[in-house]
Every structure is written in C-alpha cells, then in structure tokens.
Amino acid sequence: MSVPQQAGQPTAQQVGTHFFVLTLDKPGQFMVTQEGTCTPPPGHSRQDMYRLIYQAVTANDPDLAGASVAFFSLEPNRL
C-alpha cells in the first residue's frame, strides 16, 4: 500500500536520508533541543556527522557555543 504525496509535502530525498536529534545544555542557563534531517556525504562516519551537526547548530546561535551535548541521535530516516 502506498501513501500518495500531498501537494507541497517533501519527499524522503528532499528531507534527508537520516534524522537527528541534538540536545545542548549550558547548566544554569538553558537546555535546547534541535532536530532535523541530513544526508551524510559518502564515506562520512557517525562521528563526522555528530561534529558537522554540532557545528551547524552552534553556528546558527552564538549563545550555544561551548554548550555540552546532553543527547545525540542519528538514525536512518525511515519507518
């Protein structure tokens, strides 16, 4: 059984092959969780992607620079 795409609904290729969740913590200040999708380049490891995602998230918000990672998950984006 296939589910028809609705107008404007992104395909799996558009949203990325992997889903991530990253929770950053600055004790006594804040904790924030970011989630999204990505497509790892060929040959990249889980650690490579962890570093790239951390850098991308912290680059978007200078207040997050130096935050500790409380949680990280990177899994194939499929059911």
N, C-alpha and C. Protein backbone atom coordinates (compact mmCIF):
# COMPACT_ATOMS: atom_id res chain seq x y z
N MET A 1 0.84 -1.17 0.00
CA MET A 1 0.00 0.00 0.00
C MET A 1 0.89 1.23 0.00
N SER A 2 0.66 2.14 -0.92
CA SER A 2 1.46 3.36 -0.97
C SER A 2 0.63 4.54 -0.50
N VAL A 3 1.31 5.49 0.08
CA VAL A 3 0.65 6.70 0.55
C VAL A 3 0.93 7.78 -0.46
N PRO A 4 -0.10 8.37 -1.06
CA PRO A 4 0.12 9.41 -2.07
C PRO A 4 0.75 10.65 -1.44
N GLN A 5 1.63 11.30 -2.19
CA GLN A 5 2.23 12.55 -1.74
C GLN A 5 1.20 13.66 -1.85
N GLN A 6 1.12 14.48 -0.83
CA GLN A 6 0.24 15.64 -0.89
C GLN A 6 1.01 16.80 -1.50
N ALA A 7 0.31 17.73 -2.09
CA ALA A 7 0.96 18.90 -2.67
C ALA A 7 1.79 19.60 -1.61
N GLY A 8 3.03 19.88 -1.96
CA GLY A 8 3.91 20.58 -1.03
C GLY A 8 4.59 19.69 -0.01
N GLN A 9 4.26 18.42 0.05
CA GLN A 9 4.88 17.52 1.01
C GLN A 9 6.23 17.07 0.47
N PRO A 10 7.33 17.26 1.22
CA PRO A 10 8.64 16.89 0.72
C PRO A 10 8.80 15.37 0.61
N THR A 11 9.61 14.94 -0.33
CA THR A 11 9.92 13.53 -0.47
C THR A 11 11.07 13.18 0.46
N ALA A 12 11.34 11.89 0.64
CA ALA A 12 12.43 11.45 1.51
C ALA A 12 13.77 12.02 1.04
N GLN A 13 13.98 12.11 -0.27
CA GLN A 13 15.23 12.65 -0.77
C GLN A 13 15.38 14.12 -0.41
N GLN A 14 14.28 14.85 -0.37
CA GLN A 14 14.34 16.27 -0.04
C GLN A 14 14.60 16.50 1.45
N VAL A 15 14.14 15.60 2.29
CA VAL A 15 14.29 15.80 3.72
C VAL A 15 15.54 15.14 4.29
N GLY A 16 16.20 14.33 3.54
CA GLY A 16 17.43 13.71 4.02
C GLY A 16 17.24 12.24 4.34
N THR A 17 18.32 11.52 4.26
CA THR A 17 18.29 10.08 4.49
C THR A 17 18.37 9.72 5.97
N HIS A 18 18.78 10.68 6.80
CA HIS A 18 18.94 10.44 8.23
C HIS A 18 18.24 11.53 9.04
N PHE A 19 17.73 11.13 10.20
CA PHE A 19 17.06 12.04 11.13
C PHE A 19 17.95 12.18 12.36
N PHE A 20 18.12 13.41 12.84
CA PHE A 20 18.94 13.63 14.03
C PHE A 20 18.18 14.41 15.10
N VAL A 21 18.60 14.18 16.34
CA VAL A 21 18.14 14.95 17.50
C VAL A 21 19.40 15.29 18.29
N LEU A 22 19.55 16.57 18.62
CA LEU A 22 20.71 17.04 19.37
C LEU A 22 20.21 17.94 20.49
N THR A 23 20.52 17.57 21.73
CA THR A 23 20.16 18.40 22.88
C THR A 23 21.44 18.96 23.47
N LEU A 24 21.48 20.29 23.58
CA LEU A 24 22.63 21.00 24.12
C LEU A 24 22.25 21.63 25.45
N ASP A 25 23.23 21.68 26.35
CA ASP A 25 22.98 22.17 27.71
C ASP A 25 24.08 23.12 28.13
N LYS A 26 23.67 24.26 28.67
CA LYS A 26 24.56 25.17 29.37
C LYS A 26 23.99 25.26 30.78
N PRO A 27 24.56 24.46 31.70
CA PRO A 27 24.00 24.37 33.05
C PRO A 27 23.75 25.74 33.69
N GLY A 28 22.58 25.86 34.27
CA GLY A 28 22.20 27.10 34.93
C GLY A 28 21.72 28.18 33.97
N GLN A 29 21.82 27.90 32.66
CA GLN A 29 21.40 28.91 31.68
C GLN A 29 20.22 28.40 30.85
N PHE A 30 20.44 27.31 30.13
CA PHE A 30 19.37 26.78 29.29
C PHE A 30 19.72 25.41 28.76
N MET A 31 18.71 24.74 28.24
CA MET A 31 18.86 23.49 27.52
C MET A 31 18.00 23.62 26.28
N VAL A 32 18.53 23.21 25.13
CA VAL A 32 17.79 23.34 23.87
C VAL A 32 17.95 22.07 23.05
N THR A 33 16.87 21.68 22.37
CA THR A 33 16.89 20.51 21.51
C THR A 33 16.62 20.94 20.08
N GLN A 34 17.45 20.47 19.18
CA GLN A 34 17.29 20.72 17.74
C GLN A 34 17.07 19.37 17.07
N GLU A 35 16.24 19.35 16.04
CA GLU A 35 16.04 18.12 15.27
C GLU A 35 15.95 18.48 13.81
N GLY A 36 16.26 17.50 12.97
CA GLY A 36 16.19 17.73 11.54
C GLY A 36 16.64 16.51 10.78
N THR A 37 16.82 16.71 9.49
CA THR A 37 17.29 15.62 8.65
C THR A 37 18.54 16.06 7.91
N CYS A 38 19.30 15.08 7.46
CA CYS A 38 20.51 15.33 6.70
C CYS A 38 20.81 14.11 5.83
N THR A 39 21.68 14.30 4.87
CA THR A 39 22.16 13.20 4.05
C THR A 39 23.68 13.19 4.16
N PRO A 40 24.24 12.23 4.90
CA PRO A 40 25.68 12.19 5.07
C PRO A 40 26.39 11.99 3.73
N PRO A 41 27.47 12.73 3.50
CA PRO A 41 28.26 12.51 2.30
C PRO A 41 28.88 11.11 2.32
N PRO A 42 29.16 10.54 1.16
CA PRO A 42 29.77 9.21 1.12
C PRO A 42 31.07 9.18 1.94
N GLY A 43 31.22 8.11 2.70
CA GLY A 43 32.43 7.92 3.50
C GLY A 43 32.43 8.59 4.85
N HIS A 44 31.40 9.38 5.16
CA HIS A 44 31.35 10.03 6.47
C HIS A 44 30.90 9.04 7.54
N SER A 45 31.49 9.16 8.72
CA SER A 45 31.13 8.30 9.85
C SER A 45 30.08 9.00 10.71
N ARG A 46 29.57 8.26 11.67
CA ARG A 46 28.62 8.83 12.64
C ARG A 46 29.30 9.98 13.39
N GLN A 47 30.57 9.80 13.76
CA GLN A 47 31.31 10.84 14.46
C GLN A 47 31.47 12.09 13.59
N ASP A 48 31.75 11.90 12.31
CA ASP A 48 31.86 13.04 11.39
C ASP A 48 30.55 13.83 11.38
N MET A 49 29.44 13.10 11.30
CA MET A 49 28.14 13.76 11.26
C MET A 49 27.81 14.45 12.58
N TYR A 50 28.18 13.83 13.69
CA TYR A 50 27.99 14.45 15.01
C TYR A 50 28.69 15.81 15.03
N ARG A 51 29.93 15.84 14.58
CA ARG A 51 30.70 17.09 14.59
C ARG A 51 30.09 18.13 13.65
N LEU A 52 29.68 17.69 12.44
CA LEU A 52 29.08 18.62 11.48
C LEU A 52 27.77 19.19 12.01
N ILE A 53 26.94 18.34 12.59
CA ILE A 53 25.65 18.79 13.11
C ILE A 53 25.85 19.74 14.29
N TYR A 54 26.76 19.40 15.20
CA TYR A 54 27.04 20.27 16.35
C TYR A 54 27.52 21.64 15.85
N GLN A 55 28.44 21.62 14.90
CA GLN A 55 28.97 22.89 14.37
C GLN A 55 27.88 23.70 13.69
N ALA A 56 27.01 23.04 12.92
CA ALA A 56 25.94 23.75 12.22
C ALA A 56 24.94 24.37 13.21
N VAL A 57 24.57 23.61 14.22
CA VAL A 57 23.60 24.10 15.21
C VAL A 57 24.18 25.26 16.01
N THR A 58 25.42 25.13 16.46
CA THR A 58 26.02 26.20 17.27
C THR A 58 26.37 27.42 16.43
N ALA A 59 26.66 27.24 15.14
CA ALA A 59 26.95 28.38 14.27
C ALA A 59 25.71 29.24 14.05
N ASN A 60 24.53 28.63 14.10
CA ASN A 60 23.28 29.37 13.90
C ASN A 60 22.87 30.19 15.12
N ASP A 61 23.45 29.90 16.28
CA ASP A 61 23.10 30.62 17.51
C ASP A 61 24.34 30.75 18.38
N PRO A 62 24.99 31.91 18.38
CA PRO A 62 26.22 32.10 19.15
C PRO A 62 26.10 31.78 20.64
N ASP A 63 24.88 31.90 21.20
CA ASP A 63 24.69 31.57 22.62
C ASP A 63 24.95 30.09 22.90
N LEU A 64 24.87 29.25 21.87
CA LEU A 64 25.07 27.81 22.05
C LEU A 64 26.55 27.40 22.00
N ALA A 65 27.42 28.30 21.61
CA ALA A 65 28.84 27.97 21.52
C ALA A 65 29.36 27.45 22.85
N GLY A 66 30.01 26.31 22.82
CA GLY A 66 30.58 25.71 24.02
C GLY A 66 29.60 24.90 24.85
N ALA A 67 28.36 24.79 24.39
CA ALA A 67 27.36 24.01 25.14
C ALA A 67 27.74 22.54 25.16
N SER A 68 27.40 21.88 26.24
CA SER A 68 27.63 20.44 26.37
C SER A 68 26.51 19.68 25.68
N VAL A 69 26.86 18.52 25.15
CA VAL A 69 25.87 17.68 24.49
C VAL A 69 25.24 16.78 25.55
N ALA A 70 23.93 16.93 25.72
CA ALA A 70 23.19 16.09 26.67
C ALA A 70 22.64 14.85 25.98
N PHE A 71 22.36 14.98 24.67
CA PHE A 71 21.80 13.86 23.92
C PHE A 71 22.10 14.05 22.45
N PHE A 72 22.41 12.94 21.77
CA PHE A 72 22.59 12.96 20.31
C PHE A 72 22.09 11.64 19.75
N SER A 73 21.32 11.74 18.68
CA SER A 73 20.84 10.54 17.98
C SER A 73 20.88 10.84 16.49
N LEU A 74 21.37 9.87 15.73
CA LEU A 74 21.39 9.95 14.27
C LEU A 74 20.99 8.57 13.75
N GLU A 75 19.86 8.52 13.06
CA GLU A 75 19.33 7.23 12.59
C GLU A 75 18.81 7.37 11.18
N PRO A 76 18.74 6.25 10.45
CA PRO A 76 18.13 6.32 9.12
C PRO A 76 16.71 6.87 9.21
N ASN A 77 16.35 7.72 8.26
CA ASN A 77 15.07 8.39 8.26
C ASN A 77 14.03 7.54 7.53
N ARG A 78 13.67 6.46 8.15
CA ARG A 78 12.65 5.56 7.57
C ARG A 78 11.89 4.88 8.71
N LEU A 79 10.74 4.37 8.40
CA LEU A 79 9.94 3.65 9.40
C LEU A 79 10.13 2.17 9.26
